Structure formats: C-alpha cells, structure tokens
C-alpha cells in the first residue's frame, strides 16, 4: 500500500495560495525540503500515513483532497 499525491500541481498551488514556499512548508511539517521535493515530484514512494495526515492538516484540507492510496493486499497475503 502506497500513499500517492493525486495531483502534484494541485498541492503546489495550495502551498502558494496559503503563503508557503516549499522550504517553509517542509519546516512546518517537519521534513527536509529535499524530501518534500521528492514527494511533490513523485521521485519518492510517497509519504507515510503520519506525514500525509500532517501535510493535509497543515493545509487545512482533508487527506482525500490531495492523496489516494494505491494498492492493497500484498500478493502473499490471503483472505
């Protein structure tokens, strides 16, 4: 299961609208700017659940507004 951004451009727009630079937003959510950049460009596998929730909360939006969960059960798991 991976948490992915629905639309990286959308979150960048939200950052600008709320007065955040990427550096200031990274500081606000407690990560390095380079890691945030990887999340925003899709280079990273995506934020973990705690960080994703912190990102949404800091922007005063719902998790589902900017993220989706990709995948589900692993191929080795049974029902």
PDB file of N, CA and C in Angstrom:
ATOM      1  N   UNK A   1       0.854  -1.178   0.000  1.00  0.00           N
ATOM      2  CA  UNK A   1       0.000   0.000   0.000  1.00  0.00           C
ATOM      3  C   UNK A   1       0.894   1.233   0.000  1.00  0.00           C
ATOM      4  N   UNK A   2       0.637   2.139  -0.940  1.00  0.00           N
ATOM      5  CA  UNK A   2       1.407   3.375  -1.054  1.00  0.00           C
ATOM      6  C   UNK A   2       0.459   4.565  -1.061  1.00  0.00           C
ATOM      7  N   UNK A   3       0.876   5.617  -0.401  1.00  0.00           N
ATOM      8  CA  UNK A   3       0.118   6.870  -0.424  1.00  0.00           C
ATOM      9  C   UNK A   3       0.731   7.742  -1.499  1.00  0.00           C
ATOM     10  N   UNK A   4      -0.105   8.184  -2.415  1.00  0.00           N
ATOM     11  CA  UNK A   4       0.363   8.982  -3.546  1.00  0.00           C
ATOM     12  C   UNK A   4      -0.419  10.285  -3.637  1.00  0.00           C
ATOM     13  N   UNK A   5       0.237  11.306  -4.180  1.00  0.00           N
ATOM     14  CA  UNK A   5      -0.446  12.563  -4.457  1.00  0.00           C
ATOM     15  C   UNK A   5      -1.365  12.384  -5.654  1.00  0.00           C
ATOM     16  N   UNK A   6      -2.557  12.920  -5.559  1.00  0.00           N
ATOM     17  CA  UNK A   6      -3.474  12.869  -6.700  1.00  0.00           C
ATOM     18  C   UNK A   6      -2.948  13.746  -7.827  1.00  0.00           C
ATOM     19  N   UNK A   7      -2.514  14.948  -7.465  1.00  0.00           N
ATOM     20  CA  UNK A   7      -2.108  15.923  -8.471  1.00  0.00           C
ATOM     21  C   UNK A   7      -1.034  16.827  -7.865  1.00  0.00           C
ATOM     22  N   UNK A   8       0.240  16.587  -8.170  1.00  0.00           N
ATOM     23  CA  UNK A   8       1.308  17.410  -7.590  1.00  0.00           C
ATOM     24  C   UNK A   8       1.146  18.904  -7.862  1.00  0.00           C
ATOM     25  N   UNK A   9       0.603  19.254  -9.014  1.00  0.00           N
ATOM     26  CA  UNK A   9       0.394  20.671  -9.323  1.00  0.00           C
ATOM     27  C   UNK A   9      -0.611  21.283  -8.356  1.00  0.00           C
ATOM     28  N   UNK A  10      -1.624  20.511  -7.973  1.00  0.00           N
ATOM     29  CA  UNK A  10      -2.642  20.999  -7.048  1.00  0.00           C
ATOM     30  C   UNK A  10      -2.036  21.361  -5.692  1.00  0.00           C
ATOM     31  N   UNK A  11      -1.167  20.522  -5.164  1.00  0.00           N
ATOM     32  CA  UNK A  11      -0.591  20.819  -3.858  1.00  0.00           C
ATOM     33  C   UNK A  11       0.349  22.021  -3.943  1.00  0.00           C
ATOM     34  N   UNK A  12       1.067  22.150  -5.038  1.00  0.00           N
ATOM     35  CA  UNK A  12       1.927  23.325  -5.215  1.00  0.00           C
ATOM     36  C   UNK A  12       1.095  24.596  -5.260  1.00  0.00           C
ATOM     37  N   UNK A  13      -0.067  24.531  -5.903  1.00  0.00           N
ATOM     38  CA  UNK A  13      -0.985  25.678  -5.942  1.00  0.00           C
ATOM     39  C   UNK A  13      -1.496  25.987  -4.537  1.00  0.00           C
ATOM     40  N   UNK A  14      -1.869  24.958  -3.792  1.00  0.00           N
ATOM     41  CA  UNK A  14      -2.338  25.152  -2.410  1.00  0.00           C
ATOM     42  C   UNK A  14      -1.259  25.801  -1.542  1.00  0.00           C
ATOM     43  N   UNK A  15      -0.023  25.364  -1.726  1.00  0.00           N
ATOM     44  CA  UNK A  15       1.077  25.961  -0.965  1.00  0.00           C
ATOM     45  C   UNK A  15       1.170  27.457  -1.245  1.00  0.00           C
ATOM     46  N   UNK A  16       1.149  27.817  -2.518  1.00  0.00           N
ATOM     47  CA  UNK A  16       1.219  29.239  -2.893  1.00  0.00           C
ATOM     48  C   UNK A  16       0.041  30.020  -2.338  1.00  0.00           C
ATOM     49  N   UNK A  17      -1.179  29.458  -2.476  1.00  0.00           N
ATOM     50  CA  UNK A  17      -2.379  30.148  -2.003  1.00  0.00           C
ATOM     51  C   UNK A  17      -2.345  30.398  -0.504  1.00  0.00           C
ATOM     52  N   UNK A  18      -1.702  29.490   0.230  1.00  0.00           N
ATOM     53  CA  UNK A  18      -1.653  29.632   1.681  1.00  0.00           C
ATOM     54  C   UNK A  18      -0.363  30.294   2.171  1.00  0.00           C
ATOM     55  N   UNK A  19       0.422  30.802   1.219  1.00  0.00           N
ATOM     56  CA  UNK A  19       1.606  31.575   1.572  1.00  0.00           C
ATOM     57  C   UNK A  19       2.836  30.767   1.940  1.00  0.00           C
ATOM     58  N   UNK A  20       2.856  29.500   1.560  1.00  0.00           N
ATOM     59  CA  UNK A  20       4.010  28.656   1.862  1.00  0.00           C
ATOM     60  C   UNK A  20       4.945  28.562   0.666  1.00  0.00           C
ATOM     61  N   UNK A  21       6.227  28.693   0.924  1.00  0.00           N
ATOM     62  CA  UNK A  21       7.219  28.240  -0.044  1.00  0.00           C
ATOM     63  C   UNK A  21       7.417  26.759   0.267  1.00  0.00           C
ATOM     64  N   UNK A  22       8.070  26.045  -0.606  1.00  0.00           N
ATOM     65  CA  UNK A  22       8.329  24.636  -0.312  1.00  0.00           C
ATOM     66  C   UNK A  22       9.198  24.508   0.935  1.00  0.00           C
ATOM     67  N   UNK A  23      10.129  25.417   1.113  1.00  0.00           N
ATOM     68  CA  UNK A  23      11.010  25.386   2.280  1.00  0.00           C
ATOM     69  C   UNK A  23      10.214  25.592   3.567  1.00  0.00           C
ATOM     70  N   UNK A  24       9.337  26.599   3.573  1.00  0.00           N
ATOM     71  CA  UNK A  24       8.557  26.872   4.782  1.00  0.00           C
ATOM     72  C   UNK A  24       7.559  25.757   5.084  1.00  0.00           C
ATOM     73  N   UNK A  25       6.987  25.172   4.036  1.00  0.00           N
ATOM     74  CA  UNK A  25       6.059  24.068   4.255  1.00  0.00           C
ATOM     75  C   UNK A  25       6.805  22.855   4.811  1.00  0.00           C
ATOM     76  N   UNK A  26       7.976  22.579   4.265  1.00  0.00           N
ATOM     77  CA  UNK A  26       8.787  21.465   4.773  1.00  0.00           C
ATOM     78  C   UNK A  26       9.089  21.671   6.253  1.00  0.00           C
ATOM     79  N   UNK A  27       9.441  22.880   6.634  1.00  0.00           N
ATOM     80  CA  UNK A  27       9.702  23.175   8.042  1.00  0.00           C
ATOM     81  C   UNK A  27       8.446  22.983   8.882  1.00  0.00           C
ATOM     82  N   UNK A  28       7.314  23.418   8.361  1.00  0.00           N
ATOM     83  CA  UNK A  28       6.052  23.318   9.103  1.00  0.00           C
ATOM     84  C   UNK A  28       5.641  21.872   9.365  1.00  0.00           C
ATOM     85  N   UNK A  29       5.977  20.981   8.428  1.00  0.00           N
ATOM     86  CA  UNK A  29       5.580  19.575   8.601  1.00  0.00           C
ATOM     87  C   UNK A  29       6.717  18.712   9.145  1.00  0.00           C
ATOM     88  N   UNK A  30       7.879  19.327   9.346  1.00  0.00           N
ATOM     89  CA  UNK A  30       8.977  18.631   9.998  1.00  0.00           C
ATOM     90  C   UNK A  30       9.803  17.700   9.138  1.00  0.00           C
ATOM     91  N   UNK A  31       9.979  18.062   7.861  1.00  0.00           N
ATOM     92  CA  UNK A  31      10.834  17.258   6.976  1.00  0.00           C
ATOM     93  C   UNK A  31      11.832  18.172   6.282  1.00  0.00           C
ATOM     94  N   UNK A  32      12.855  17.574   5.703  1.00  0.00           N
ATOM     95  CA  UNK A  32      13.812  18.344   4.911  1.00  0.00           C
ATOM     96  C   UNK A  32      13.154  18.750   3.599  1.00  0.00           C
ATOM     97  N   UNK A  33      13.550  19.896   3.108  1.00  0.00           N
ATOM     98  CA  UNK A  33      12.998  20.392   1.845  1.00  0.00           C
ATOM     99  C   UNK A  33      13.255  19.414   0.698  1.00  0.00           C
ATOM    100  N   UNK A  34      14.414  18.758   0.691  1.00  0.00           N
ATOM    101  CA  UNK A  34      14.735  17.806  -0.374  1.00  0.00           C
ATOM    102  C   UNK A  34      13.762  16.627  -0.370  1.00  0.00           C
ATOM    103  N   UNK A  35      13.370  16.167   0.822  1.00  0.00           N
ATOM    104  CA  UNK A  35      12.417  15.058   0.905  1.00  0.00           C
ATOM    105  C   UNK A  35      11.038  15.506   0.409  1.00  0.00           C
ATOM    106  N   UNK A  36      10.616  16.701   0.801  1.00  0.00           N
ATOM    107  CA  UNK A  36       9.339  17.224   0.314  1.00  0.00           C
ATOM    108  C   UNK A  36       9.358  17.312  -1.205  1.00  0.00           C
ATOM    109  N   UNK A  37      10.452  17.778  -1.763  1.00  0.00           N
ATOM    110  CA  UNK A  37      10.569  17.886  -3.218  1.00  0.00           C
ATOM    111  C   UNK A  37      10.392  16.521  -3.877  1.00  0.00           C
ATOM    112  N   UNK A  38      10.967  15.475  -3.269  1.00  0.00           N
ATOM    113  CA  UNK A  38      10.814  14.122  -3.812  1.00  0.00           C
ATOM    114  C   UNK A  38       9.359  13.674  -3.770  1.00  0.00           C
ATOM    115  N   UNK A  39       8.664  14.019  -2.705  1.00  0.00           N
ATOM    116  CA  UNK A  39       7.239  13.675  -2.605  1.00  0.00           C
ATOM    117  C   UNK A  39       6.450  14.401  -3.687  1.00  0.00           C
ATOM    118  N   UNK A  40       6.723  15.690  -3.846  1.00  0.00           N
ATOM    119  CA  UNK A  40       5.964  16.508  -4.799  1.00  0.00           C
ATOM    120  C   UNK A  40       6.231  16.138  -6.250  1.00  0.00           C
ATOM    121  N   UNK A  41       7.400  15.588  -6.532  1.00  0.00           N
ATOM    122  CA  UNK A  41       7.715  15.213  -7.912  1.00  0.00           C
ATOM    123  C   UNK A  41       7.463  13.739  -8.193  1.00  0.00           C
ATOM    124  N   UNK A  42       7.111  12.990  -7.158  1.00  0.00           N
ATOM    125  CA  UNK A  42       6.841  11.580  -7.339  1.00  0.00           C
ATOM    126  C   UNK A  42       8.086  10.711  -7.343  1.00  0.00           C
ATOM    127  N   UNK A  43       9.258  11.297  -7.058  1.00  0.00           N
ATOM    128  CA  UNK A  43      10.502  10.532  -7.018  1.00  0.00           C
ATOM    129  C   UNK A  43      10.491   9.575  -5.830  1.00  0.00           C
ATOM    130  N   UNK A  44       9.939  10.030  -4.723  1.00  0.00           N
ATOM    131  CA  UNK A  44       9.832   9.193  -3.534  1.00  0.00           C
ATOM    132  C   UNK A  44       8.625   8.273  -3.678  1.00  0.00           C
ATOM    133  N   UNK A  45       8.574   7.216  -2.878  1.00  0.00           N
ATOM    134  CA  UNK A  45       7.423   6.322  -2.920  1.00  0.00           C
ATOM    135  C   UNK A  45       6.180   6.996  -2.352  1.00  0.00           C
ATOM    136  N   UNK A  46       6.343   8.121  -1.745  1.00  0.00           N
ATOM    137  CA  UNK A  46       5.212   8.843  -1.171  1.00  0.00           C
ATOM    138  C   UNK A  46       5.368   8.941   0.330  1.00  0.00           C
ATOM    139  N   UNK A  47       4.632   9.829   0.939  1.00  0.00           N
ATOM    140  CA  UNK A  47       4.740   9.990   2.386  1.00  0.00           C
ATOM    141  C   UNK A  47       4.077   8.827   3.115  1.00  0.00           C
ATOM    142  N   UNK A  48       4.516   8.599   4.320  1.00  0.00           N
ATOM    143  CA  UNK A  48       3.842   7.621   5.169  1.00  0.00           C
ATOM    144  C   UNK A  48       2.532   8.211   5.660  1.00  0.00           C
ATOM    145  N   UNK A  49       1.714   7.419   6.320  1.00  0.00           N
ATOM    146  CA  UNK A  49       0.402   7.891   6.750  1.00  0.00           C
ATOM    147  C   UNK A  49       0.450   9.071   7.720  1.00  0.00           C
ATOM    148  N   UNK A  50       1.416   9.072   8.630  1.00  0.00           N
ATOM    149  CA  UNK A  50       1.503  10.167   9.605  1.00  0.00           C
ATOM    150  C   UNK A  50       1.881  11.466   8.906  1.00  0.00           C
ATOM    151  N   UNK A  51       2.869  11.405   8.025  1.00  0.00           N
ATOM    152  CA  UNK A  51       3.291  12.604   7.309  1.00  0.00           C
ATOM    153  C   UNK A  51       2.202  13.097   6.367  1.00  0.00           C
ATOM    154  N   UNK A  52       1.536  12.192   5.674  1.00  0.00           N
ATOM    155  CA  UNK A  52       0.452  12.599   4.776  1.00  0.00           C
ATOM    156  C   UNK A  52      -0.653  13.305   5.562  1.00  0.00           C
ATOM    157  N   UNK A  53      -0.998  12.762   6.710  1.00  0.00           N
ATOM    158  CA  UNK A  53      -2.028  13.399   7.548  1.00  0.00           C
ATOM    159  C   UNK A  53      -1.554  14.765   8.028  1.00  0.00           C
ATOM    160  N   UNK A  54      -0.276  14.886   8.377  1.00  0.00           N
ATOM    161  CA  UNK A  54       0.277  16.167   8.826  1.00  0.00           C
ATOM    162  C   UNK A  54       0.255  17.188   7.695  1.00  0.00           C
ATOM    163  N   UNK A  55       0.568  16.735   6.482  1.00  0.00           N
ATOM    164  CA  UNK A  55       0.534  17.642   5.330  1.00  0.00           C
ATOM    165  C   UNK A  55      -0.877  18.177   5.112  1.00  0.00           C
ATOM    166  N   UNK A  56      -1.859  17.280   5.110  1.00  0.00           N
ATOM    167  CA  UNK A  56      -3.247  17.694   4.894  1.00  0.00           C
ATOM    168  C   UNK A  56      -3.713  18.624   6.021  1.00  0.00           C
ATOM    169  N   UNK A  57      -3.394  18.276   7.245  1.00  0.00           N
ATOM    170  CA  UNK A  57      -3.804  19.086   8.392  1.00  0.00           C
ATOM    171  C   UNK A  57      -3.193  20.485   8.337  1.00  0.00           C
ATOM    172  N   UNK A  58      -1.924  20.557   7.994  1.00  0.00           N
ATOM    173  CA  UNK A  58      -1.238  21.849   7.910  1.00  0.00           C
ATOM    174  C   UNK A  58      -1.869  22.729   6.843  1.00  0.00           C
ATOM    175  N   UNK A  59      -2.354  22.114   5.767  1.00  0.00           N
ATOM    176  CA  UNK A  59      -3.015  22.867   4.694  1.00  0.00           C
ATOM    177  C   UNK A  59      -4.514  23.054   4.947  1.00  0.00           C
ATOM    178  N   UNK A  60      -5.005  22.528   6.075  1.00  0.00           N
ATOM    179  CA  UNK A  60      -6.427  22.642   6.432  1.00  0.00           C
ATOM    180  C   UNK A  60      -7.344  22.032   5.377  1.00  0.00           C
ATOM    181  N   UNK A  61      -6.949  20.857   4.902  1.00  0.00           N
ATOM    182  CA  UNK A  61      -7.757  20.141   3.924  1.00  0.00           C
ATOM    183  C   UNK A  61      -7.874  18.686   4.365  1.00  0.00           C
ATOM    184  N   UNK A  62      -8.741  17.950   3.718  1.00  0.00           N
ATOM    185  CA  UNK A  62      -8.921  16.534   4.022  1.00  0.00           C
ATOM    186  C   UNK A  62      -7.849  15.709   3.299  1.00  0.00           C
ATOM    187  N   UNK A  63      -7.455  14.606   3.902  1.00  0.00           N
ATOM    188  CA  UNK A  63      -6.483  13.691   3.316  1.00  0.00           C
ATOM    189  C   UNK A  63      -6.874  13.339   1.875  1.00  0.00           C
ATOM    190  N   UNK A  64      -8.141  12.979   1.675  1.00  0.00           N
ATOM    191  CA  UNK A  64      -8.621  12.545   0.356  1.00  0.00           C
ATOM    192  C   UNK A  64      -8.628  13.655  -0.686  1.00  0.00           C
ATOM    193  N   UNK A  65      -8.471  14.900  -0.261  1.00  0.00           N
ATOM    194  CA  UNK A  65      -8.426  16.004  -1.217  1.00  0.00           C
ATOM    195  C   UNK A  65      -7.150  15.977  -2.056  1.00  0.00           C
ATOM    196  N   UNK A  66      -6.052  15.486  -1.466  1.00  0.00           N
ATOM    197  CA  UNK A  66      -4.785  15.521  -2.192  1.00  0.00           C
ATOM    198  C   UNK A  66      -4.095  14.169  -2.335  1.00  0.00           C
ATOM    199  N   UNK A  67      -4.544  13.170  -1.580  1.00  0.00           N
ATOM    200  CA  UNK A  67      -3.887  11.866  -1.621  1.00  0.00           C
ATOM    201  C   UNK A  67      -4.855  10.761  -2.007  1.00  0.00           C
ATOM    202  N   UNK A  68      -4.290   9.673  -2.520  1.00  0.00           N
ATOM    203  CA  UNK A  68      -5.036   8.434  -2.700  1.00  0.00           C
ATOM    204  C   UNK A  68      -4.126   7.289  -2.270  1.00  0.00           C
ATOM    205  N   UNK A  69      -4.728   6.166  -1.962  1.00  0.00           N
ATOM    206  CA  UNK A  69      -3.964   5.002  -1.543  1.00  0.00           C
ATOM    207  C   UNK A  69      -3.923   4.018  -2.705  1.00  0.00           C
ATOM    208  N   UNK A  70      -2.714   3.680  -3.114  1.00  0.00           N
ATOM    209  CA  UNK A  70      -2.503   2.782  -4.243  1.00  0.00           C
ATOM    210  C   UNK A  70      -2.207   1.374  -3.715  1.00  0.00           C
ATOM    211  N   UNK A  71      -2.811   0.403  -4.330  1.00  0.00           N
ATOM    212  CA  UNK A  71      -2.565  -0.978  -3.931  1.00  0.00           C
ATOM    213  C   UNK A  71      -3.425  -1.385  -2.753  1.00  0.00           C
ATOM    214  N   UNK A  72      -3.141  -2.523  -2.245  1.00  0.00           N
ATOM    215  CA  UNK A  72      -3.902  -3.045  -1.119  1.00  0.00           C
ATOM    216  C   UNK A  72      -3.145  -4.211  -0.552  1.00  0.00           C
ATOM    217  N   UNK A  73      -3.774  -5.332  -0.527  1.00  0.00           N
ATOM    218  CA  UNK A  73      -3.118  -6.526   0.000  1.00  0.00           C
ATOM    219  C   UNK A  73      -1.961  -6.946  -0.890  1.00  0.00           C
ATOM    220  N   UNK A  74      -0.913  -7.371  -0.258  1.00  0.00           N
ATOM    221  CA  UNK A  74       0.234  -7.893  -0.997  1.00  0.00           C
ATOM    222  C   UNK A  74      -0.111  -9.245  -1.608  1.00  0.00           C
ATOM    223  N   UNK A  75       0.648  -9.670  -2.574  1.00  0.00           N
ATOM    224  CA  UNK A  75       0.350 -10.930  -3.251  1.00  0.00           C
ATOM    225  C   UNK A  75       0.536 -12.134  -2.341  1.00  0.00           C
ATOM    226  N   UNK A  76       1.288 -11.966  -1.249  1.00  0.00           N
ATOM    227  CA  UNK A  76       1.500 -13.076  -0.322  1.00  0.00           C
ATOM    228  C   UNK A  76       0.434 -13.173   0.738  1.00  0.00           C
ATOM    229  N   UNK A  77      -0.445 -12.195   0.845  1.00  0.00           N
ATOM    230  CA  UNK A  77      -1.486 -12.215   1.859  1.00  0.00           C
ATOM    231  C   UNK A  77      -2.692 -12.972   1.344  1.00  0.00           C
ATOM    232  N   UNK A  78      -3.355 -13.642   2.226  1.00  0.00           N
ATOM    233  CA  UNK A  78      -4.571 -14.365   1.848  1.00  0.00           C
ATOM    234  C   UNK A  78      -5.757 -13.749   2.526  1.00  0.00           C
ATOM    235  N   UNK A  79      -6.938 -14.045   2.012  1.00  0.00           N
ATOM    236  CA  UNK A  79      -8.168 -13.509   2.588  1.00  0.00           C
ATOM    237  C   UNK A  79      -8.731 -14.431   3.622  1.00  0.00           C
TER     238      UNK A  79
END
